[in-house]
Amino acid sequence: MDHSDLTQYLDYALIAMLLAVGFAIVRLRNLFAVVMLTGVYSLLSAAWFVSLDAVDVAFTEAAVGAGISTVLMLGAMLLTARESEPAGAKRHWAALA
């Protein structure tokens, strides 16, 4: 097994984790958990960018995505409720359109 095979398996694992976290973000109603998972998603994205040899993009993603954005969303969450309200069926179809 050479280096490219290991890198390919790492890429597959990171993409699988990104998909799992993305699906969890969409399905959760607890806003604090969503904010924390968006930070995890940004860190996983940064790790994937490192595996793609885009270290500058990974550094920016880690700093902005996981750092500043998470702090700003936590601050904004202090002004809102902890749980999201269920959206009506009309809003789902409007968003899809």
PDB file of N, CA and C in Angstrom:
ATOM      1  N   MET A   1       0.851  -1.166   0.000  1.00  0.00           N
ATOM      2  CA  MET A   1       0.000   0.000   0.000  1.00  0.00           C
ATOM      3  C   MET A   1       0.904   1.239   0.000  1.00  0.00           C
ATOM      4  N   ASP A   2       0.740   2.059  -0.997  1.00  0.00           N
ATOM      5  CA  ASP A   2       1.595   3.240  -1.100  1.00  0.00           C
ATOM      6  C   ASP A   2       0.896   4.466  -0.517  1.00  0.00           C
ATOM      7  N   HIS A   3       1.587   5.576  -0.595  1.00  0.00           N
ATOM      8  CA  HIS A   3       1.128   6.821   0.021  1.00  0.00           C
ATOM      9  C   HIS A   3      -0.168   7.324  -0.593  1.00  0.00           C
ATOM     10  N   SER A   4      -0.354   7.166  -1.886  1.00  0.00           N
ATOM     11  CA  SER A   4      -1.567   7.677  -2.534  1.00  0.00           C
ATOM     12  C   SER A   4      -2.804   6.895  -2.093  1.00  0.00           C
ATOM     13  N   ASP A   5      -2.651   5.595  -1.811  1.00  0.00           N
ATOM     14  CA  ASP A   5      -3.780   4.821  -1.317  1.00  0.00           C
ATOM     15  C   ASP A   5      -4.208   5.293   0.073  1.00  0.00           C
ATOM     16  N   LEU A   6      -3.236   5.568   0.934  1.00  0.00           N
ATOM     17  CA  LEU A   6      -3.561   6.056   2.269  1.00  0.00           C
ATOM     18  C   LEU A   6      -4.244   7.409   2.210  1.00  0.00           C
ATOM     19  N   THR A   7      -3.759   8.273   1.339  1.00  0.00           N
ATOM     20  CA  THR A   7      -4.371   9.592   1.179  1.00  0.00           C
ATOM     21  C   THR A   7      -5.796   9.460   0.648  1.00  0.00           C
ATOM     22  N   GLN A   8      -6.000   8.536  -0.256  1.00  0.00           N
ATOM     23  CA  GLN A   8      -7.337   8.328  -0.808  1.00  0.00           C
ATOM     24  C   GLN A   8      -8.300   7.819   0.263  1.00  0.00           C
ATOM     25  N   TYR A   9      -7.855   6.899   1.099  1.00  0.00           N
ATOM     26  CA  TYR A   9      -8.705   6.416   2.193  1.00  0.00           C
ATOM     27  C   TYR A   9      -8.994   7.519   3.201  1.00  0.00           C
ATOM     28  N   LEU A  10      -8.015   8.366   3.467  1.00  0.00           N
ATOM     29  CA  LEU A  10      -8.230   9.500   4.357  1.00  0.00           C
ATOM     30  C   LEU A  10      -9.263  10.455   3.772  1.00  0.00           C
ATOM     31  N   ASP A  11      -9.177  10.709   2.471  1.00  0.00           N
ATOM     32  CA  ASP A  11     -10.161  11.575   1.820  1.00  0.00           C
ATOM     33  C   ASP A  11     -11.565  10.989   1.924  1.00  0.00           C
ATOM     34  N   TYR A  12     -11.696   9.689   1.703  1.00  0.00           N
ATOM     35  CA  TYR A  12     -13.007   9.042   1.814  1.00  0.00           C
ATOM     36  C   TYR A  12     -13.554   9.137   3.234  1.00  0.00           C
ATOM     37  N   ALA A  13     -12.689   8.939   4.214  1.00  0.00           N
ATOM     38  CA  ALA A  13     -13.124   9.019   5.608  1.00  0.00           C
ATOM     39  C   ALA A  13     -13.561  10.438   5.955  1.00  0.00           C
ATOM     40  N   LEU A  14     -12.806  11.438   5.501  1.00  0.00           N
ATOM     41  CA  LEU A  14     -13.174  12.827   5.784  1.00  0.00           C
ATOM     42  C   LEU A  14     -14.480  13.216   5.098  1.00  0.00           C
ATOM     43  N   ILE A  15     -14.676  12.759   3.874  1.00  0.00           N
ATOM     44  CA  ILE A  15     -15.923  13.065   3.166  1.00  0.00           C
ATOM     45  C   ILE A  15     -17.103  12.392   3.862  1.00  0.00           C
ATOM     46  N   ALA A  16     -16.911  11.164   4.326  1.00  0.00           N
ATOM     47  CA  ALA A  16     -17.988  10.469   5.050  1.00  0.00           C
ATOM     48  C   ALA A  16     -18.336  11.208   6.340  1.00  0.00           C
ATOM     49  N   MET A  17     -17.319  11.678   7.048  1.00  0.00           N
ATOM     50  CA  MET A  17     -17.582  12.436   8.276  1.00  0.00           C
ATOM     51  C   MET A  17     -18.257  13.768   7.967  1.00  0.00           C
ATOM     52  N   LEU A  18     -17.838  14.429   6.875  1.00  0.00           N
ATOM     53  CA  LEU A  18     -18.483  15.684   6.484  1.00  0.00           C
ATOM     54  C   LEU A  18     -19.958  15.455   6.157  1.00  0.00           C
ATOM     55  N   LEU A  19     -20.260  14.372   5.453  1.00  0.00           N
ATOM     56  CA  LEU A  19     -21.654  14.065   5.136  1.00  0.00           C
ATOM     57  C   LEU A  19     -22.461  13.765   6.389  1.00  0.00           C
ATOM     58  N   ALA A  20     -21.883  13.017   7.315  1.00  0.00           N
ATOM     59  CA  ALA A  20     -22.600  12.686   8.553  1.00  0.00           C
ATOM     60  C   ALA A  20     -22.869  13.934   9.381  1.00  0.00           C
ATOM     61  N   VAL A  21     -21.872  14.796   9.508  1.00  0.00           N
ATOM     62  CA  VAL A  21     -22.060  16.030  10.281  1.00  0.00           C
ATOM     63  C   VAL A  21     -23.049  16.954   9.571  1.00  0.00           C
ATOM     64  N   GLY A  22     -22.962  17.053   8.261  1.00  0.00           N
ATOM     65  CA  GLY A  22     -23.903  17.879   7.511  1.00  0.00           C
ATOM     66  C   GLY A  22     -25.336  17.402   7.663  1.00  0.00           C
ATOM     67  N   PHE A  23     -25.532  16.093   7.628  1.00  0.00           N
ATOM     68  CA  PHE A  23     -26.875  15.548   7.816  1.00  0.00           C
ATOM     69  C   PHE A  23     -27.370  15.828   9.231  1.00  0.00           C
ATOM     70  N   ALA A  24     -26.497  15.708  10.222  1.00  0.00           N
ATOM     71  CA  ALA A  24     -26.883  15.991  11.607  1.00  0.00           C
ATOM     72  C   ALA A  24     -27.241  17.461  11.783  1.00  0.00           C
ATOM     73  N   ILE A  25     -26.511  18.352  11.131  1.00  0.00           N
ATOM     74  CA  ILE A  25     -26.808  19.790  11.219  1.00  0.00           C
ATOM     75  C   ILE A  25     -28.208  20.082  10.686  1.00  0.00           C
ATOM     76  N   VAL A  26     -28.557  19.456   9.584  1.00  0.00           N
ATOM     77  CA  VAL A  26     -29.861  19.705   8.978  1.00  0.00           C
ATOM     78  C   VAL A  26     -30.995  19.158   9.839  1.00  0.00           C
ATOM     79  N   ARG A  27     -30.769  18.038  10.496  1.00  0.00           N
ATOM     80  CA  ARG A  27     -31.839  17.373  11.243  1.00  0.00           C
ATOM     81  C   ARG A  27     -32.035  17.883  12.672  1.00  0.00           C
ATOM     82  N   LEU A  28     -31.046  18.506  13.270  1.00  0.00           N
ATOM     83  CA  LEU A  28     -31.151  18.912  14.673  1.00  0.00           C
ATOM     84  C   LEU A  28     -32.027  20.148  14.850  1.00  0.00           C
ATOM     85  N   ARG A  29     -32.641  20.251  16.026  1.00  0.00           N
ATOM     86  CA  ARG A  29     -33.445  21.429  16.355  1.00  0.00           C
ATOM     87  C   ARG A  29     -32.782  22.266  17.435  1.00  0.00           C
ATOM     88  N   ASN A  30     -31.857  21.696  18.181  1.00  0.00           N
ATOM     89  CA  ASN A  30     -31.168  22.417  19.237  1.00  0.00           C
ATOM     90  C   ASN A  30     -30.118  23.331  18.596  1.00  0.00           C
ATOM     91  N   LEU A  31     -30.293  24.628  18.757  1.00  0.00           N
ATOM     92  CA  LEU A  31     -29.430  25.582  18.064  1.00  0.00           C
ATOM     93  C   LEU A  31     -27.995  25.551  18.575  1.00  0.00           C
ATOM     94  N   PHE A  32     -27.799  25.278  19.867  1.00  0.00           N
ATOM     95  CA  PHE A  32     -26.446  25.185  20.395  1.00  0.00           C
ATOM     96  C   PHE A  32     -25.696  24.017  19.749  1.00  0.00           C
ATOM     97  N   ALA A  33     -26.368  22.881  19.605  1.00  0.00           N
ATOM     98  CA  ALA A  33     -25.742  21.724  18.960  1.00  0.00           C
ATOM     99  C   ALA A  33     -25.434  22.011  17.495  1.00  0.00           C
ATOM    100  N   VAL A  34     -26.303  22.760  16.839  1.00  0.00           N
ATOM    101  CA  VAL A  34     -26.065  23.114  15.437  1.00  0.00           C
ATOM    102  C   VAL A  34     -24.835  24.011  15.314  1.00  0.00           C
ATOM    103  N   VAL A  35     -24.712  24.975  16.209  1.00  0.00           N
ATOM    104  CA  VAL A  35     -23.549  25.876  16.172  1.00  0.00           C
ATOM    105  C   VAL A  35     -22.265  25.086  16.403  1.00  0.00           C
ATOM    106  N   MET A  36     -22.281  24.187  17.370  1.00  0.00           N
ATOM    107  CA  MET A  36     -21.083  23.381  17.652  1.00  0.00           C
ATOM    108  C   MET A  36     -20.746  22.462  16.469  1.00  0.00           C
ATOM    109  N   LEU A  37     -21.766  21.885  15.849  1.00  0.00           N
ATOM    110  CA  LEU A  37     -21.508  21.007  14.709  1.00  0.00           C
ATOM    111  C   LEU A  37     -21.017  21.774  13.482  1.00  0.00           C
ATOM    112  N   THR A  38     -21.419  23.035  13.330  1.00  0.00           N
ATOM    113  CA  THR A  38     -20.868  23.815  12.221  1.00  0.00           C
ATOM    114  C   THR A  38     -19.375  24.072  12.439  1.00  0.00           C
ATOM    115  N   GLY A  39     -18.972  24.247  13.697  1.00  0.00           N
ATOM    116  CA  GLY A  39     -17.542  24.362  14.001  1.00  0.00           C
ATOM    117  C   GLY A  39     -16.803  23.073  13.697  1.00  0.00           C
ATOM    118  N   VAL A  40     -17.397  21.941  14.038  1.00  0.00           N
ATOM    119  CA  VAL A  40     -16.801  20.639  13.715  1.00  0.00           C
ATOM    120  C   VAL A  40     -16.709  20.460  12.203  1.00  0.00           C
ATOM    121  N   TYR A  41     -17.769  20.868  11.493  1.00  0.00           N
ATOM    122  CA  TYR A  41     -17.764  20.768  10.034  1.00  0.00           C
ATOM    123  C   TYR A  41     -16.625  21.600   9.439  1.00  0.00           C
ATOM    124  N   SER A  42     -16.400  22.784   9.968  1.00  0.00           N
ATOM    125  CA  SER A  42     -15.315  23.630   9.470  1.00  0.00           C
ATOM    126  C   SER A  42     -13.949  23.004   9.738  1.00  0.00           C
ATOM    127  N   LEU A  43     -13.787  22.407  10.918  1.00  0.00           N
ATOM    128  CA  LEU A  43     -12.506  21.752  11.213  1.00  0.00           C
ATOM    129  C   LEU A  43     -12.286  20.527  10.326  1.00  0.00           C
ATOM    130  N   LEU A  44     -13.336  19.769  10.056  1.00  0.00           N
ATOM    131  CA  LEU A  44     -13.203  18.638   9.133  1.00  0.00           C
ATOM    132  C   LEU A  44     -12.874  19.117   7.719  1.00  0.00           C
ATOM    133  N   SER A  45     -13.494  20.220   7.319  1.00  0.00           N
ATOM    134  CA  SER A  45     -13.177  20.798   6.005  1.00  0.00           C
ATOM    135  C   SER A  45     -11.720  21.229   5.944  1.00  0.00           C
ATOM    136  N   ALA A  46     -11.236  21.828   7.015  1.00  0.00           N
ATOM    137  CA  ALA A  46      -9.836  22.248   7.063  1.00  0.00           C
ATOM    138  C   ALA A  46      -8.909  21.043   6.972  1.00  0.00           C
ATOM    139  N   ALA A  47      -9.253  19.960   7.657  1.00  0.00           N
ATOM    140  CA  ALA A  47      -8.436  18.744   7.571  1.00  0.00           C
ATOM    141  C   ALA A  47      -8.443  18.187   6.159  1.00  0.00           C
ATOM    142  N   TRP A  48      -9.588  18.254   5.497  1.00  0.00           N
ATOM    143  CA  TRP A  48      -9.655  17.759   4.116  1.00  0.00           C
ATOM    144  C   TRP A  48      -8.818  18.640   3.190  1.00  0.00           C
ATOM    145  N   PHE A  49      -8.843  19.939   3.394  1.00  0.00           N
ATOM    146  CA  PHE A  49      -8.023  20.833   2.582  1.00  0.00           C
ATOM    147  C   PHE A  49      -6.539  20.565   2.790  1.00  0.00           C
ATOM    148  N   VAL A  50      -6.142  20.218   4.009  1.00  0.00           N
ATOM    149  CA  VAL A  50      -4.743  19.868   4.257  1.00  0.00           C
ATOM    150  C   VAL A  50      -4.374  18.608   3.485  1.00  0.00           C
ATOM    151  N   SER A  51      -5.279  17.625   3.460  1.00  0.00           N
ATOM    152  CA  SER A  51      -4.984  16.401   2.716  1.00  0.00           C
ATOM    153  C   SER A  51      -4.923  16.646   1.210  1.00  0.00           C
ATOM    154  N   LEU A  52      -5.563  17.725   0.762  1.00  0.00           N
ATOM    155  CA  LEU A  52      -5.509  18.097  -0.657  1.00  0.00           C
ATOM    156  C   LEU A  52      -4.347  19.049  -0.960  1.00  0.00           C
ATOM    157  N   ASP A  53      -3.470  19.274   0.023  1.00  0.00           N
ATOM    158  CA  ASP A  53      -2.309  20.165  -0.098  1.00  0.00           C
ATOM    159  C   ASP A  53      -2.703  21.620  -0.344  1.00  0.00           C
ATOM    160  N   ALA A  54      -3.817  22.029   0.216  1.00  0.00           N
ATOM    161  CA  ALA A  54      -4.247  23.430   0.157  1.00  0.00           C
ATOM    162  C   ALA A  54      -4.189  23.989   1.575  1.00  0.00           C
ATOM    163  N   VAL A  55      -2.972  24.112   2.080  1.00  0.00           N
ATOM    164  CA  VAL A  55      -2.781  24.484   3.478  1.00  0.00           C
ATOM    165  C   VAL A  55      -3.250  25.904   3.744  1.00  0.00           C
ATOM    166  N   ASP A  56      -3.072  26.810   2.797  1.00  0.00           N
ATOM    167  CA  ASP A  56      -3.523  28.184   3.006  1.00  0.00           C
ATOM    168  C   ASP A  56      -5.040  28.258   3.123  1.00  0.00           C
ATOM    169  N   VAL A  57      -5.740  27.494   2.307  1.00  0.00           N
ATOM    170  CA  VAL A  57      -7.202  27.453   2.388  1.00  0.00           C
ATOM    171  C   VAL A  57      -7.637  26.798   3.696  1.00  0.00           C
ATOM    172  N   ALA A  58      -6.923  25.758   4.126  1.00  0.00           N
ATOM    173  CA  ALA A  58      -7.242  25.077   5.377  1.00  0.00           C
ATOM    174  C   ALA A  58      -7.062  26.014   6.562  1.00  0.00           C
ATOM    175  N   PHE A  59      -6.007  26.796   6.553  1.00  0.00           N
ATOM    176  CA  PHE A  59      -5.767  27.741   7.641  1.00  0.00           C
ATOM    177  C   PHE A  59      -6.878  28.785   7.707  1.00  0.00           C
ATOM    178  N   THR A  60      -7.291  29.292   6.567  1.00  0.00           N
ATOM    179  CA  THR A  60      -8.366  30.276   6.532  1.00  0.00           C
ATOM    180  C   THR A  60      -9.684  29.666   6.996  1.00  0.00           C
ATOM    181  N   GLU A  61      -9.954  28.446   6.560  1.00  0.00           N
ATOM    182  CA  GLU A  61     -11.189  27.769   6.977  1.00  0.00           C
ATOM    183  C   GLU A  61     -11.205  27.525   8.483  1.00  0.00           C
ATOM    184  N   ALA A  62     -10.081  27.123   9.032  1.00  0.00           N
ATOM    185  CA  ALA A  62     -10.018  26.874  10.471  1.00  0.00           C
ATOM    186  C   ALA A  62     -10.173  28.175  11.256  1.00  0.00           C
ATOM    187  N   ALA A  63      -9.547  29.231  10.795  1.00  0.00           N
ATOM    188  CA  ALA A  63      -9.605  30.506  11.519  1.00  0.00           C
ATOM    189  C   ALA A  63     -10.980  31.155  11.413  1.00  0.00           C
ATOM    190  N   VAL A  64     -11.500  31.228  10.221  1.00  0.00           N
ATOM    191  CA  VAL A  64     -12.775  31.920  10.012  1.00  0.00           C
ATOM    192  C   VAL A  64     -13.951  31.003  10.305  1.00  0.00           C
ATOM    193  N   GLY A  65     -13.946  29.810   9.726  1.00  0.00           N
ATOM    194  CA  GLY A  65     -15.089  28.910   9.862  1.00  0.00           C
ATOM    195  C   GLY A  65     -15.270  28.379  11.257  1.00  0.00           C
ATOM    196  N   ALA A  66     -14.218  27.834  11.831  1.00  0.00           N
ATOM    197  CA  ALA A  66     -14.343  27.235  13.161  1.00  0.00           C
ATOM    198  C   ALA A  66     -14.143  28.255  14.271  1.00  0.00           C
ATOM    199  N   GLY A  67     -13.396  29.294  14.009  1.00  0.00           N
ATOM    200  CA  GLY A  67     -13.104  30.262  15.063  1.00  0.00           C
ATOM    201  C   GLY A  67     -14.097  31.391  15.145  1.00  0.00           C
ATOM    202  N   ILE A  68     -13.975  32.323  14.246  1.00  0.00           N
ATOM    203  CA  ILE A  68     -14.754  33.558  14.312  1.00  0.00           C
ATOM    204  C   ILE A  68     -16.248  33.301  14.102  1.00  0.00           C
ATOM    205  N   SER A  69     -16.603  32.479  13.128  1.00  0.00           N
ATOM    206  CA  SER A  69     -18.022  32.227  12.850  1.00  0.00           C
ATOM    207  C   SER A  69     -18.717  31.557  14.027  1.00  0.00           C
ATOM    208  N   THR A  70     -18.036  30.625  14.678  1.00  0.00           N
ATOM    209  CA  THR A  70     -18.639  29.951  15.825  1.00  0.00           C
ATOM    210  C   THR A  70     -18.875  30.936  16.967  1.00  0.00           C
ATOM    211  N   VAL A  71     -17.916  31.804  17.227  1.00  0.00           N
ATOM    212  CA  VAL A  71     -18.082  32.796  18.288  1.00  0.00           C
ATOM    213  C   VAL A  71     -19.209  33.764  17.951  1.00  0.00           C
ATOM    214  N   LEU A  72     -19.297  34.203  16.703  1.00  0.00           N
ATOM    215  CA  LEU A  72     -20.370  35.120  16.315  1.00  0.00           C
ATOM    216  C   LEU A  72     -21.735  34.446  16.397  1.00  0.00           C
ATOM    217  N   MET A  73     -21.825  33.192  15.992  1.00  0.00           N
ATOM    218  CA  MET A  73     -23.111  32.491  16.071  1.00  0.00           C
ATOM    219  C   MET A  73     -23.520  32.239  17.521  1.00  0.00           C
ATOM    220  N   LEU A  74     -22.554  31.947  18.391  1.00  0.00           N
ATOM    221  CA  LEU A  74     -22.881  31.790  19.809  1.00  0.00           C
ATOM    222  C   LEU A  74     -23.384  33.105  20.399  1.00  0.00           C
ATOM    223  N   GLY A  75     -22.772  34.208  19.999  1.00  0.00           N
ATOM    224  CA  GLY A  75     -23.239  35.509  20.447  1.00  0.00           C
ATOM    225  C   GLY A  75     -24.633  35.829  19.945  1.00  0.00           C
ATOM    226  N   ALA A  76     -24.916  35.500  18.703  1.00  0.00           N
ATOM    227  CA  ALA A  76     -26.248  35.733  18.151  1.00  0.00           C
ATOM    228  C   ALA A  76     -27.277  34.811  18.784  1.00  0.00           C
ATOM    229  N   MET A  77     -26.831  33.624  19.178  1.00  0.00           N
ATOM    230  CA  MET A  77     -27.753  32.673  19.790  1.00  0.00           C
ATOM    231  C   MET A  77     -28.230  33.157  21.161  1.00  0.00           C
ATOM    232  N   LEU A  78     -27.450  34.011  21.817  1.00  0.00           N
ATOM    233  CA  LEU A  78     -27.882  34.568  23.096  1.00  0.00           C
ATOM    234  C   LEU A  78     -29.133  35.426  22.945  1.00  0.00           C
ATOM    235  N   LEU A  79     -29.379  35.928  21.740  1.00  0.00           N
ATOM    236  CA  LEU A  79     -30.540  36.780  21.480  1.00  0.00           C
ATOM    237  C   LEU A  79     -31.757  36.002  20.998  1.00  0.00           C
ATOM    238  N   THR A  80     -31.614  34.691  20.826  1.00  0.00           N
ATOM    239  CA  THR A  80     -32.707  33.883  20.284  1.00  0.00           C
ATOM    240  C   THR A  80     -33.070  32.777  21.268  1.00  0.00           C
ATOM    241  N   ALA A  81     -34.028  31.964  20.877  1.00  0.00           N
ATOM    242  CA  ALA A  81     -34.426  30.806  21.680  1.00  0.00           C
ATOM    243  C   ALA A  81     -33.427  29.672  21.479  1.00  0.00           C
ATOM    244  N   ARG A  82     -33.450  28.719  22.379  1.00  0.00           N
ATOM    245  CA  ARG A  82     -32.522  27.585  22.299  1.00  0.00           C
ATOM    246  C   ARG A  82     -32.975  26.533  21.292  1.00  0.00           C
ATOM    247  N   GLU A  83     -34.256  26.430  21.078  1.00  0.00           N
ATOM    248  CA  GLU A  83     -34.808  25.438  20.154  1.00  0.00           C
ATOM    249  C   GLU A  83     -35.443  26.157  18.973  1.00  0.00           C
ATOM    250  N   SER A  84     -35.363  25.536  17.810  1.00  0.00           N
ATOM    251  CA  SER A  84     -35.994  26.127  16.640  1.00  0.00           C
ATOM    252  C   SER A  84     -37.461  25.709  16.594  1.00  0.00           C
ATOM    253  N   GLU A  85     -38.274  26.568  16.044  1.00  0.00           N
ATOM    254  CA  GLU A  85     -39.697  26.277  15.895  1.00  0.00           C
ATOM    255  C   GLU A  85     -39.904  25.440  14.643  1.00  0.00           C
ATOM    256  N   PRO A  86     -40.840  24.495  14.669  1.00  0.00           N
ATOM    257  CA  PRO A  86     -41.102  23.718  13.452  1.00  0.00           C
ATOM    258  C   PRO A  86     -41.706  24.604  12.369  1.00  0.00           C
ATOM    259  N   ALA A  87     -41.222  24.426  11.160  1.00  0.00           N
ATOM    260  CA  ALA A  87     -41.727  25.213  10.030  1.00  0.00           C
ATOM    261  C   ALA A  87     -42.934  24.505   9.430  1.00  0.00           C
ATOM    262  N   GLY A  88     -43.854  25.293   8.936  1.00  0.00           N
ATOM    263  CA  GLY A  88     -45.035  24.721   8.307  1.00  0.00           C
ATOM    264  C   GLY A  88     -44.706  24.105   6.956  1.00  0.00           C
ATOM    265  N   ALA A  89     -45.638  23.323   6.441  1.00  0.00           N
ATOM    266  CA  ALA A  89     -45.416  22.632   5.165  1.00  0.00           C
ATOM    267  C   ALA A  89     -45.262  23.623   4.012  1.00  0.00           C
ATOM    268  N   LYS A  90     -45.946  24.760   4.093  1.00  0.00           N
ATOM    269  CA  LYS A  90     -45.849  25.760   3.026  1.00  0.00           C
ATOM    270  C   LYS A  90     -44.436  26.327   2.933  1.00  0.00           C
ATOM    271  N   ARG A  91     -43.793  26.498   4.066  1.00  0.00           N
ATOM    272  CA  ARG A  91     -42.437  27.054   4.062  1.00  0.00           C
ATOM    273  C   ARG A  91     -41.449  26.059   3.472  1.00  0.00           C
ATOM    274  N   HIS A  92     -41.677  24.760   3.680  1.00  0.00           N
ATOM    275  CA  HIS A  92     -40.785  23.757   3.110  1.00  0.00           C
ATOM    276  C   HIS A  92     -40.842  23.811   1.577  1.00  0.00           C
ATOM    277  N   TRP A  93     -42.046  23.899   1.036  1.00  0.00           N
ATOM    278  CA  TRP A  93     -42.169  23.933  -0.430  1.00  0.00           C
ATOM    279  C   TRP A  93     -41.659  25.255  -0.998  1.00  0.00           C
ATOM    280  N   ALA A  94     -41.828  26.337  -0.267  1.00  0.00           N
ATOM    281  CA  ALA A  94     -41.318  27.620  -0.748  1.00  0.00           C
ATOM    282  C   ALA A  94     -39.796  27.598  -0.777  1.00  0.00           C
ATOM    283  N   ALA A  95     -39.171  27.003   0.226  1.00  0.00           N
ATOM    284  CA  ALA A  95     -37.721  26.915   0.243  1.00  0.00           C
ATOM    285  C   ALA A  95     -37.216  26.000  -0.861  1.00  0.00           C
ATOM    286  N   LEU A  96     -37.933  24.936  -1.141  1.00  0.00           N
ATOM    287  CA  LEU A  96     -37.542  24.022  -2.217  1.00  0.00           C
ATOM    288  C   LEU A  96     -37.623  24.704  -3.577  1.00  0.00           C
ATOM    289  N   ALA A  97     -38.653  25.527  -3.745  1.00  0.00           N
ATOM    290  CA  ALA A  97     -38.812  26.224  -5.028  1.00  0.00           C
ATOM    291  C   ALA A  97     -37.710  27.231  -5.199  1.00  0.00           C
TER     292      ALA A  97
END
